[in-house]
Amino acid sequence: MYFNSFPKVFYSSTGKLNDEKLCTHILKRVAIKDSLEDDMTLMEDHLVKENETPEVIAHKHFGSTQYHWVLLMTNNITDRYFQWPLTTPQFEAFLIDKYGSGIDNAHHYEIVQTSGPTSSLDDSHLIHVDATTLGGTLITNREYEQREQDRKRKIKLLAPGLLPAFVGEFKKLMISSNTA
């Protein structure tokens, strides 16, 4: 369904005119306006659970796995393998692959900022400092990567009633961008 909306182009893998074939232009893109991403009436918060894939969430939320691309697009996820939260076994394998035996070594140190907010849900109130800073808290590689996974778990879901309009607008934009 997703790629059916993409424009078609003639393409030659050899560069010869008589060798062209009609192909789907998979590099064509449209984007969601930033104002729509932040509109609370259009989107609702969702915390991705263990083993939840975009297809599973799309089925639960929209009633069909075929709309997984809407979920990815509305969350600006272009790489579902590196921008989607890992399962626990995948996360453990990732840590070993990236850090080896240094999983619990220092990633960085941080302190609470002295001006502005002194707490936040997303750790934005924390400042990275060097190891010699008085009061600096050690953050291990594991803790740092776990925070990154936790950030990826927080996604937004388009209100189900807006799905037909969203899909229709996507198709319209893809067709109108066919000349670009």
Protein backbone atom coordinates (compact mmCIF):
# COMPACT_ATOMS: atom_id res chain seq x y z
CA MET A 1 0.00 0.00 0.00
CA TYR A 2 2.76 2.48 0.97
CA PHE A 3 4.81 2.12 -2.21
CA ASN A 4 1.70 2.07 -4.40
CA SER A 5 1.48 5.82 -3.81
CA PHE A 6 5.00 6.52 -5.06
CA PRO A 7 5.50 7.95 -8.54
CA LYS A 8 7.03 5.86 -11.30
CA VAL A 9 10.19 6.80 -13.22
CA PHE A 10 12.10 5.30 -16.08
CA TYR A 11 15.48 4.02 -14.92
CA SER A 12 18.41 2.35 -16.63
CA SER A 13 20.92 0.47 -14.52
CA THR A 14 23.40 0.58 -17.42
CA GLY A 15 22.88 4.20 -18.46
CA LYS A 16 21.65 3.21 -21.93
CA LEU A 17 18.37 4.71 -23.17
CA ASN A 18 17.09 1.47 -24.71
CA ASP A 19 17.64 -0.33 -21.38
CA GLU A 20 15.20 1.76 -19.31
CA LYS A 21 12.52 0.15 -17.17
CA LEU A 22 9.59 1.69 -15.35
CA CYS A 23 10.40 1.62 -11.62
CA THR A 24 8.94 2.89 -8.38
CA HIS A 25 10.75 6.08 -7.32
CA ILE A 26 11.52 4.92 -3.76
CA LEU A 27 13.60 8.03 -2.97
CA LYS A 28 10.60 10.37 -3.29
CA ARG A 29 9.66 11.82 0.11
CA VAL A 30 7.08 14.03 1.75
CA ALA A 31 7.37 15.34 5.29
CA ILE A 32 4.99 16.12 8.11
CA LYS A 33 4.82 19.73 9.22
CA ASP A 34 6.44 20.27 12.63
CA SER A 35 3.25 21.95 13.89
CA LEU A 36 1.29 18.74 13.26
CA GLU A 37 3.77 16.62 15.21
CA ASP A 38 3.18 18.75 18.30
CA ASP A 39 -0.61 19.06 18.02
CA MET A 40 -1.97 17.12 20.99
CA THR A 41 -5.43 16.78 19.44
CA LEU A 42 -4.00 14.86 16.48
CA MET A 43 -1.49 12.68 18.31
CA GLU A 44 -1.53 10.64 21.48
CA ASP A 45 1.42 9.39 23.52
CA HIS A 46 2.37 5.73 23.40
CA LEU A 47 5.13 3.84 25.21
CA VAL A 48 6.45 0.99 23.06
CA LYS A 49 6.36 -2.24 25.05
CA GLU A 50 8.77 -5.18 24.84
CA ASN A 51 8.41 -6.98 21.47
CA GLU A 52 6.00 -4.37 20.06
CA THR A 53 6.81 -3.75 16.43
CA PRO A 54 5.40 -0.98 14.22
CA GLU A 55 3.13 -3.61 12.65
CA VAL A 56 1.81 -4.79 16.04
CA ILE A 57 1.07 -1.24 17.15
CA ALA A 58 -0.53 -0.35 13.80
CA HIS A 59 -2.79 -3.41 14.07
CA LYS A 60 -3.84 -2.52 17.63
CA HIS A 61 -4.26 1.19 16.93
CA PHE A 62 -5.49 1.36 13.32
CA GLY A 63 -6.88 -2.15 12.90
CA SER A 64 -4.37 -3.19 10.22
CA THR A 65 -0.65 -3.88 9.98
CA GLN A 66 -0.57 -2.17 6.58
CA TYR A 67 -0.49 1.25 8.31
CA HIS A 68 2.81 0.65 10.11
CA TRP A 69 4.36 3.20 7.74
CA VAL A 70 2.02 5.91 9.12
CA LEU A 71 3.35 5.23 12.61
CA LEU A 72 6.96 5.42 11.37
CA MET A 73 6.33 8.53 9.32
CA THR A 74 4.52 10.44 12.07
CA ASN A 75 7.47 9.74 14.39
CA ASN A 76 10.10 10.67 11.81
CA ILE A 77 11.55 7.15 11.88
CA THR A 78 13.41 6.46 8.66
CA ASP A 79 15.33 3.40 9.90
CA ARG A 80 13.17 1.02 11.89
CA TYR A 81 16.16 -1.09 12.87
CA PHE A 82 18.25 1.67 14.47
CA GLN A 83 15.55 4.18 15.45
CA TRP A 84 13.13 1.67 16.99
CA PRO A 85 13.62 0.35 20.56
CA LEU A 86 15.41 -2.96 20.85
CA THR A 87 14.08 -6.00 22.66
CA THR A 88 15.97 -6.96 25.84
CA PRO A 89 18.03 -9.70 24.12
CA GLN A 90 18.79 -7.35 21.20
CA PHE A 91 19.80 -4.61 23.64
CA GLU A 92 22.17 -6.92 25.54
CA ALA A 93 23.75 -8.08 22.25
CA PHE A 94 24.06 -4.45 21.11
CA LEU A 95 25.86 -3.51 24.35
CA ILE A 96 28.33 -6.38 24.01
CA ASP A 97 28.94 -5.59 20.35
CA LYS A 98 29.48 -1.87 20.99
CA TYR A 99 31.30 -1.89 24.33
CA GLY A 100 32.65 -5.42 24.79
CA SER A 101 33.71 -5.87 28.40
CA GLY A 102 33.39 -2.12 29.01
CA ILE A 103 29.60 -2.08 29.30
CA ASP A 104 29.76 -0.75 32.86
CA ASN A 105 32.64 1.67 32.22
CA ALA A 106 32.12 5.43 32.38
CA HIS A 107 30.31 6.92 29.42
CA HIS A 108 30.26 10.44 30.87
CA TYR A 109 29.65 12.42 34.04
CA GLU A 110 26.80 14.84 34.60
CA ILE A 111 25.42 17.37 37.05
CA VAL A 112 22.08 19.11 37.43
CA GLN A 113 22.14 22.52 35.79
CA THR A 114 22.18 25.46 38.19
CA SER A 115 19.91 27.73 36.18
CA GLY A 116 16.62 26.84 34.54
CA PRO A 117 14.72 23.63 35.28
CA THR A 118 16.39 21.33 37.81
CA SER A 119 14.33 18.29 36.83
CA SER A 120 12.81 16.90 33.64
CA LEU A 121 11.28 13.75 32.22
CA ASP A 122 13.87 13.59 29.43
CA ASP A 123 17.06 14.39 31.38
CA SER A 124 17.39 17.74 29.59
CA HIS A 125 18.16 19.37 32.95
CA LEU A 126 21.45 17.47 33.14
CA ILE A 127 24.77 18.82 31.86
CA HIS A 128 27.71 16.68 30.74
CA VAL A 129 30.88 17.50 32.68
CA ASP A 130 34.35 16.00 33.00
CA ALA A 131 35.35 13.50 35.68
CA THR A 132 37.00 16.16 37.86
CA THR A 133 33.86 18.27 38.31
CA LEU A 134 32.77 18.34 41.94
CA GLY A 135 29.45 16.50 42.38
CA GLY A 136 29.55 14.91 38.93
CA THR A 137 27.58 11.67 38.69
CA LEU A 138 29.06 8.77 36.74
CA ILE A 139 26.85 7.51 33.91
CA THR A 140 27.91 4.12 32.58
CA ASN A 141 27.70 3.00 28.98
CA ARG A 142 24.76 0.78 29.94
CA GLU A 143 22.90 3.64 31.64
CA TYR A 144 23.50 5.95 28.70
CA GLU A 145 22.29 3.40 26.15
CA GLN A 146 19.28 2.52 28.32
CA ARG A 147 18.27 6.20 28.33
CA GLU A 148 18.52 6.21 24.54
CA GLN A 149 16.28 3.13 24.35
CA ASP A 150 13.79 4.76 26.75
CA ARG A 151 13.66 7.84 24.49
CA LYS A 152 12.92 5.64 21.49
CA ARG A 153 10.07 3.98 23.39
CA LYS A 154 8.17 7.30 23.60
CA ILE A 155 6.27 7.70 20.35
CA LYS A 156 3.16 9.51 19.16
CA LEU A 157 0.19 7.84 17.49
CA LEU A 158 -2.05 9.59 15.01
CA ALA A 159 -5.67 9.65 16.14
CA PRO A 160 -7.36 6.72 14.32
CA GLY A 161 -10.15 8.93 12.98
CA LEU A 162 -7.57 10.98 11.08
CA LEU A 163 -6.04 7.99 9.30
CA PRO A 164 -8.12 8.24 6.08
CA ALA A 165 -7.33 11.95 5.71
CA PHE A 166 -3.64 11.34 6.42
CA VAL A 167 -3.38 8.53 3.85
CA GLY A 168 -5.33 10.57 1.30
CA GLU A 169 -3.09 13.61 1.80
CA PHE A 170 0.01 11.42 1.50
CA LYS A 171 -1.20 10.00 -1.82
CA LYS A 172 -2.10 13.46 -3.10
CA LEU A 173 1.33 14.85 -2.18
CA MET A 174 3.15 11.93 -3.78
CA ILE A 175 1.20 12.37 -7.01
CA SER A 176 1.69 16.15 -7.05
CA SER A 177 5.42 15.74 -6.43
CA ASN A 178 5.67 13.40 -9.43
CA THR A 179 7.02 16.20 -11.60
CA ALA A 180 9.81 17.14 -9.16
